[in-house]
Amino acid sequence: MNTLSTRPLPLRPLSTLALAAAIGLCAIALSAAVRPSAAHAGQPVEHPAPAPAAAATPSTNPAPVLAVSGIGEVQRKPDFAIVLVGIEVREPTAAKASERAGKSIEAVTKAISDLRLSAMTLQTSSVSLSPAYTWLRDTTGNDGDRRKLVGYDATSIIRVKVEDPRSVGRIMDAAIAAGANRIDGVTFELKAALEARNEAITLAAKAARQKADTLAAALGMSIEAVIEATTSNVEEGWRQPMSQMTSNLAAPASAAPEGLGSSIEPGMVTVKAEVSVRYRAK
């Protein structure tokens, strides 16, 4: 006779672990479903702050600028004159060139001093001694051009300052008669040169402002302020052109019986100034 056994079958360990994991997942899902949200619980909800709006940049137009320039000119009678006169010689040796130039400039200096002009000063301006060469062209094409020593040039220049500008002619004629063969320049100057220069700058600035006012009125604007102002090209004095002096010295004495000095007239000393100004207009 067969009997039925009622003993329970043993559970496998892996099935027990799987069941426990499933129960845990269900519990977590149920807890999340029944949890009240922050909004329903009466708690405030934080939202990210909006980005600040970019500041509006006002559109600004640059103020118009007027750029003009003015020239001022002042004329005065000269107070004194300066003459640069001297000797230039060439000799086979340096010693002979130096000796001849020294004796010649002494004669020129004595001739000028013998004029006995009031308030006159003489001083050495420059002295030089250098070899002189000539170039020999090579026609064979072998050695190239060569230079050959032909002597030595000696130069001595003195500076003569005299307070009577009308005496310049006499100084030049006396120097040339004594053997001078170089006149490096004649200038007429002002003792109050700074005052004349300042006056010229003032006139130039006024001329620039007048030009700016005229330009602004023509454009329907007005001057508001000065942005920048500069001065340039300040010139003063009177100078005899060197080309004219050189040609006169090269001419034979019979061609200018009155002497080179007779062609020098003091005239007026002109002082010029230029002012450039930038104005802001409206």
Foldseek 3Di string as FASTA:
>chain_A
DDDDDPDDDDDDPVVVVVVVVVVVVVVVVVVVVPDDDCVVVVHDDDDDDDDDDDDDDDDDDDFDKDKFKFKFKDKDFFQKKKWKWAAKDWDAEQVVQVVVRVVLRVLLVVLLVVVVAPPKDKDWDDKDKDWDWDWDADPVPPPGIDIDTDTMMIMTIMMMMHRDVLCQLVSQQSNVVSPILDIPKMKGHHPPVVVNLVVRVVNGVVRRVVVVQVVQVVVVKHFDFWDDKDKDDWDKIDMDDPVVVNVQSPDDCVVPVVHPSVPDDSPIMMTMMMMMTMTGID
